[in-house]
Amino acid sequence: MGVAALVVIGVGVYQMVKGAKKSFMEEIDTSPASAGQVRVIERLGQVGYLAKGAAFVVVGGLLAYAAITFDPEKSTGLDGAMRTILQAPFGQWLLSLVAVGIAAFGVFCFFRARYPQRT
């Protein structure tokens, strides 16, 4: 379970780095898009990848906690991770930020479908 936790945390960190560096833009052909659309796609992708990565890191952290405490019932999925965020100080604000970020990633996916991956 510890290895799974490290893998999930690694995936989350990778997603966050991908969002911060905007490297996801290399996977999309935005040549037919206007400059304004490209800016919107970049921002949605950045916010979306950061939020998605944060959710993965929290899930991985819960898996790691379950592995350390030898209590598999402490390992929860995304719903448990979101409940953990909600219970933290300023949890409602943090959960709202994650929710907005995941929604932004959803809108980004529509743009990604409109401007398919470069070959």
C-alpha atoms as a PDB file:
ATOM      1  CA  MET A   1       0.000   0.000   0.000  1.00  0.00           C
ATOM      2  CA  GLY A   2       2.949   2.305   0.658  1.00  0.00           C
ATOM      3  CA  VAL A   3       4.195   1.877  -2.907  1.00  0.00           C
ATOM      4  CA  ALA A   4       0.717   2.641  -4.246  1.00  0.00           C
ATOM      5  CA  ALA A   5       0.650   5.777  -2.101  1.00  0.00           C
ATOM      6  CA  LEU A   6       3.984   6.929  -3.501  1.00  0.00           C
ATOM      7  CA  VAL A   7       2.816   6.289  -7.058  1.00  0.00           C
ATOM      8  CA  VAL A   8      -0.404   8.261  -6.531  1.00  0.00           C
ATOM      9  CA  ILE A   9       1.505  11.125  -4.898  1.00  0.00           C
ATOM     10  CA  GLY A  10       4.017  11.059  -7.769  1.00  0.00           C
ATOM     11  CA  VAL A  11       1.221  11.269 -10.320  1.00  0.00           C
ATOM     12  CA  GLY A  12      -0.252  14.207  -8.409  1.00  0.00           C
ATOM     13  CA  VAL A  13       3.058  16.054  -8.289  1.00  0.00           C
ATOM     14  CA  TYR A  14       3.573  15.370 -12.007  1.00  0.00           C
ATOM     15  CA  GLN A  15       0.133  16.841 -12.781  1.00  0.00           C
ATOM     16  CA  MET A  16       0.911  19.934 -10.699  1.00  0.00           C
ATOM     17  CA  VAL A  17       4.273  20.451 -12.405  1.00  0.00           C
ATOM     18  CA  LYS A  18       2.628  19.976 -15.789  1.00  0.00           C
ATOM     19  CA  GLY A  19       0.137  22.701 -14.884  1.00  0.00           C
ATOM     20  CA  ALA A  20       2.738  25.080 -13.497  1.00  0.00           C
ATOM     21  CA  LYS A  21       5.031  24.737 -16.520  1.00  0.00           C
ATOM     22  CA  LYS A  22       2.141  24.777 -19.025  1.00  0.00           C
ATOM     23  CA  SER A  23       3.698  21.740 -20.702  1.00  0.00           C
ATOM     24  CA  PHE A  24       0.191  20.474 -21.485  1.00  0.00           C
ATOM     25  CA  MET A  25       0.053  23.123 -24.221  1.00  0.00           C
ATOM     26  CA  GLU A  26       2.585  21.116 -26.240  1.00  0.00           C
ATOM     27  CA  GLU A  27      -0.047  18.391 -26.594  1.00  0.00           C
ATOM     28  CA  ILE A  28      -2.669  20.643 -28.169  1.00  0.00           C
ATOM     29  CA  ASP A  29      -2.740  22.184 -31.634  1.00  0.00           C
ATOM     30  CA  THR A  30      -4.015  25.700 -30.936  1.00  0.00           C
ATOM     31  CA  SER A  31      -2.935  27.151 -34.287  1.00  0.00           C
ATOM     32  CA  PRO A  32      -6.560  27.676 -35.440  1.00  0.00           C
ATOM     33  CA  ALA A  33      -7.489  29.323 -32.100  1.00  0.00           C
ATOM     34  CA  SER A  34      -7.464  33.052 -31.514  1.00  0.00           C
ATOM     35  CA  ALA A  35      -4.994  34.609 -29.070  1.00  0.00           C
ATOM     36  CA  GLY A  36      -7.799  35.101 -26.551  1.00  0.00           C
ATOM     37  CA  GLN A  37      -8.825  31.468 -26.782  1.00  0.00           C
ATOM     38  CA  VAL A  38      -5.226  30.354 -26.275  1.00  0.00           C
ATOM     39  CA  ARG A  39      -4.993  32.464 -23.094  1.00  0.00           C
ATOM     40  CA  VAL A  40      -8.242  30.950 -21.793  1.00  0.00           C
ATOM     41  CA  ILE A  41      -7.054  27.421 -22.630  1.00  0.00           C
ATOM     42  CA  GLU A  42      -3.739  28.064 -20.834  1.00  0.00           C
ATOM     43  CA  ARG A  43      -5.416  29.396 -17.688  1.00  0.00           C
ATOM     44  CA  LEU A  44      -8.028  26.639 -17.566  1.00  0.00           C
ATOM     45  CA  GLY A  45      -5.313  24.030 -18.048  1.00  0.00           C
ATOM     46  CA  GLN A  46      -3.095  25.545 -15.370  1.00  0.00           C
ATOM     47  CA  VAL A  47      -5.862  25.757 -12.780  1.00  0.00           C
ATOM     48  CA  GLY A  48      -7.234  22.365 -13.764  1.00  0.00           C
ATOM     49  CA  TYR A  49      -3.947  20.486 -13.660  1.00  0.00           C
ATOM     50  CA  LEU A  50      -2.991  22.083 -10.330  1.00  0.00           C
ATOM     51  CA  ALA A  51      -6.327  21.116  -8.755  1.00  0.00           C
ATOM     52  CA  LYS A  52      -6.244  17.624 -10.228  1.00  0.00           C
ATOM     53  CA  GLY A  53      -2.710  17.151  -8.939  1.00  0.00           C
ATOM     54  CA  ALA A  54      -3.671  18.413  -5.487  1.00  0.00           C
ATOM     55  CA  ALA A  55      -6.531  15.904  -5.336  1.00  0.00           C
ATOM     56  CA  PHE A  56      -4.146  13.077  -6.265  1.00  0.00           C
ATOM     57  CA  VAL A  57      -1.651  14.178  -3.623  1.00  0.00           C
ATOM     58  CA  VAL A  58      -4.340  14.179  -0.924  1.00  0.00           C
ATOM     59  CA  VAL A  59      -5.536  10.707  -1.965  1.00  0.00           C
ATOM     60  CA  GLY A  60      -1.924   9.476  -1.965  1.00  0.00           C
ATOM     61  CA  GLY A  61      -1.396  11.023   1.455  1.00  0.00           C
ATOM     62  CA  LEU A  62      -4.409   9.152   2.809  1.00  0.00           C
ATOM     63  CA  LEU A  63      -3.073   5.922   1.306  1.00  0.00           C
ATOM     64  CA  ALA A  64       0.303   6.576   2.913  1.00  0.00           C
ATOM     65  CA  TYR A  65      -1.353   7.260   6.258  1.00  0.00           C
ATOM     66  CA  ALA A  66      -3.245   3.975   5.993  1.00  0.00           C
ATOM     67  CA  ALA A  67      -0.009   2.153   5.164  1.00  0.00           C
ATOM     68  CA  ILE A  68       1.856   3.724   8.090  1.00  0.00           C
ATOM     69  CA  THR A  69      -0.906   3.027  10.610  1.00  0.00           C
ATOM     70  CA  PHE A  70      -1.605  -0.460   9.213  1.00  0.00           C
ATOM     71  CA  ASP A  71      -5.296   0.415   8.978  1.00  0.00           C
ATOM     72  CA  PRO A  72      -6.604  -0.200   5.454  1.00  0.00           C
ATOM     73  CA  GLU A  73      -9.949   1.345   6.375  1.00  0.00           C
ATOM     74  CA  LYS A  74      -8.207   4.733   6.573  1.00  0.00           C
ATOM     75  CA  SER A  75      -7.448   4.560   2.851  1.00  0.00           C
ATOM     76  CA  THR A  76     -10.294   6.235   1.053  1.00  0.00           C
ATOM     77  CA  GLY A  77     -10.821   7.349  -2.484  1.00  0.00           C
ATOM     78  CA  LEU A  78     -11.408  10.806  -3.837  1.00  0.00           C
ATOM     79  CA  ASP A  79     -14.533  11.242  -1.727  1.00  0.00           C
ATOM     80  CA  GLY A  80     -12.576  10.579   1.461  1.00  0.00           C
ATOM     81  CA  ALA A  81      -9.856  12.958   0.323  1.00  0.00           C
ATOM     82  CA  MET A  82     -12.416  15.692  -0.226  1.00  0.00           C
ATOM     83  CA  ARG A  83     -13.901  15.031   3.231  1.00  0.00           C
ATOM     84  CA  THR A  84     -10.411  15.339   4.698  1.00  0.00           C
ATOM     85  CA  ILE A  85      -9.956  18.683   2.969  1.00  0.00           C
ATOM     86  CA  LEU A  86     -13.360  19.808   4.268  1.00  0.00           C
ATOM     87  CA  GLN A  87     -12.350  19.006   7.866  1.00  0.00           C
ATOM     88  CA  ALA A  88      -9.136  21.033   7.630  1.00  0.00           C
ATOM     89  CA  PRO A  89      -8.957  24.642   8.807  1.00  0.00           C
ATOM     90  CA  PHE A  90     -10.508  26.783   6.074  1.00  0.00           C
ATOM     91  CA  GLY A  91     -11.686  23.467   4.595  1.00  0.00           C
ATOM     92  CA  GLN A  92     -14.732  24.913   2.883  1.00  0.00           C
ATOM     93  CA  TRP A  93     -12.540  27.434   1.063  1.00  0.00           C
ATOM     94  CA  LEU A  94      -9.975  24.804   0.113  1.00  0.00           C
ATOM     95  CA  LEU A  95     -12.644  22.387  -1.080  1.00  0.00           C
ATOM     96  CA  SER A  96     -14.251  25.170  -3.101  1.00  0.00           C
ATOM     97  CA  LEU A  97     -10.900  25.940  -4.746  1.00  0.00           C
ATOM     98  CA  VAL A  98     -10.379  22.272  -5.609  1.00  0.00           C
ATOM     99  CA  ALA A  99     -13.937  22.064  -6.984  1.00  0.00           C
ATOM    100  CA  VAL A 100     -13.446  25.152  -9.153  1.00  0.00           C
ATOM    101  CA  GLY A 101     -10.130  23.732 -10.346  1.00  0.00           C
ATOM    102  CA  ILE A 102     -11.644  20.398 -11.291  1.00  0.00           C
ATOM    103  CA  ALA A 103     -14.456  22.221 -13.104  1.00  0.00           C
ATOM    104  CA  ALA A 104     -11.812  24.272 -14.931  1.00  0.00           C
ATOM    105  CA  PHE A 105     -10.114  21.028 -15.949  1.00  0.00           C
ATOM    106  CA  GLY A 106     -13.440  19.811 -17.323  1.00  0.00           C
ATOM    107  CA  VAL A 107     -13.826  22.939 -19.470  1.00  0.00           C
ATOM    108  CA  PHE A 108     -10.179  22.565 -20.542  1.00  0.00           C
ATOM    109  CA  CYS A 109     -10.999  19.035 -21.730  1.00  0.00           C
ATOM    110  CA  PHE A 110     -13.679  20.465 -24.035  1.00  0.00           C
ATOM    111  CA  PHE A 111     -11.053  22.762 -25.569  1.00  0.00           C
ATOM    112  CA  ARG A 112      -8.664  19.844 -25.831  1.00  0.00           C
ATOM    113  CA  ALA A 113     -11.321  17.921 -27.748  1.00  0.00           C
ATOM    114  CA  ARG A 114     -11.833  20.932 -30.022  1.00  0.00           C
ATOM    115  CA  TYR A 115      -8.095  21.303 -30.686  1.00  0.00           C
ATOM    116  CA  PRO A 116      -6.827  17.721 -30.829  1.00  0.00           C
ATOM    117  CA  GLN A 117      -3.426  16.468 -29.837  1.00  0.00           C
ATOM    118  CA  ARG A 118      -0.510  17.231 -32.082  1.00  0.00           C
ATOM    119  CA  THR A 119       0.965  14.307 -33.950  1.00  0.00           C
END
